[in-house]
Amino acid sequence: MHKNHVDRMRISGSDAWCEMSNGAKLPISRGKRKLVKLYFGNETKVHNEKS
């Protein structure tokens, strides 16, 4: 997964996923959730800077 293609990160109860620019939803495992939060921050909307 490339950071520039992630539009949104969602966490709902025990489920978490990234919504990609092509509409795909990629699940985030519980073990990787902290890493993803560190990478993107706590905001659910990821601010892409597209060239």
Protein backbone atom coordinates (compact mmCIF):
# COMPACT_ATOMS: atom_id res chain seq x y z
CA MET A 1 0.00 0.00 0.00
CA HIS A 2 1.40 3.39 -0.95
CA LYS A 3 0.64 6.41 1.24
CA ASN A 4 -0.32 8.62 -1.72
CA HIS A 5 -3.12 6.21 -2.67
CA VAL A 6 -4.80 6.12 0.76
CA ASP A 7 -7.79 8.48 0.84
CA ARG A 8 -9.12 7.65 4.29
CA MET A 9 -8.38 5.49 7.31
CA ARG A 10 -11.39 4.12 9.19
CA ILE A 11 -11.63 2.48 12.59
CA SER A 12 -15.01 1.21 13.73
CA GLY A 13 -15.12 -0.95 16.83
CA SER A 14 -12.88 -3.94 16.20
CA ASP A 15 -12.65 -3.28 12.44
CA ALA A 16 -10.13 -1.01 10.75
CA TRP A 17 -9.39 -0.38 7.10
CA CYS A 18 -7.87 2.02 4.59
CA GLU A 19 -9.99 3.35 1.75
CA MET A 20 -7.86 3.61 -1.35
CA SER A 21 -8.05 6.13 -4.20
CA ASN A 22 -9.40 3.39 -6.51
CA GLY A 23 -12.27 2.61 -4.09
CA ALA A 24 -10.73 -0.55 -2.62
CA LYS A 25 -10.93 -1.12 1.13
CA LEU A 26 -7.88 -2.77 2.65
CA PRO A 27 -8.24 -4.22 6.15
CA ILE A 28 -5.77 -3.25 8.87
CA SER A 29 -4.91 -6.05 11.27
CA ARG A 30 -5.05 -5.43 15.02
CA GLY A 31 -1.30 -6.00 15.18
CA LYS A 32 -0.61 -3.26 12.61
CA ARG A 33 -3.21 -0.73 13.80
CA LYS A 34 -0.77 1.18 16.03
CA LEU A 35 1.79 1.36 13.22
CA VAL A 36 -0.83 2.70 10.79
CA LYS A 37 -1.94 5.32 13.35
CA LEU A 38 1.67 6.41 13.81
CA TYR A 39 2.15 6.65 10.06
CA PHE A 40 -1.05 8.57 9.28
CA GLY A 41 -1.82 10.12 12.66
CA ASN A 42 -5.17 9.89 14.42
CA GLU A 43 -7.13 11.63 11.67
CA THR A 44 -9.47 9.44 9.70
CA LYS A 45 -9.08 11.61 6.59
CA VAL A 46 -5.65 11.38 5.01
CA HIS A 47 -4.57 14.57 3.23
CA ASN A 48 -2.95 13.58 -0.04
CA GLU A 49 -0.72 15.96 -1.92
CA LYS A 50 -1.07 14.75 -5.47
CA SER A 51 1.31 16.03 -8.12
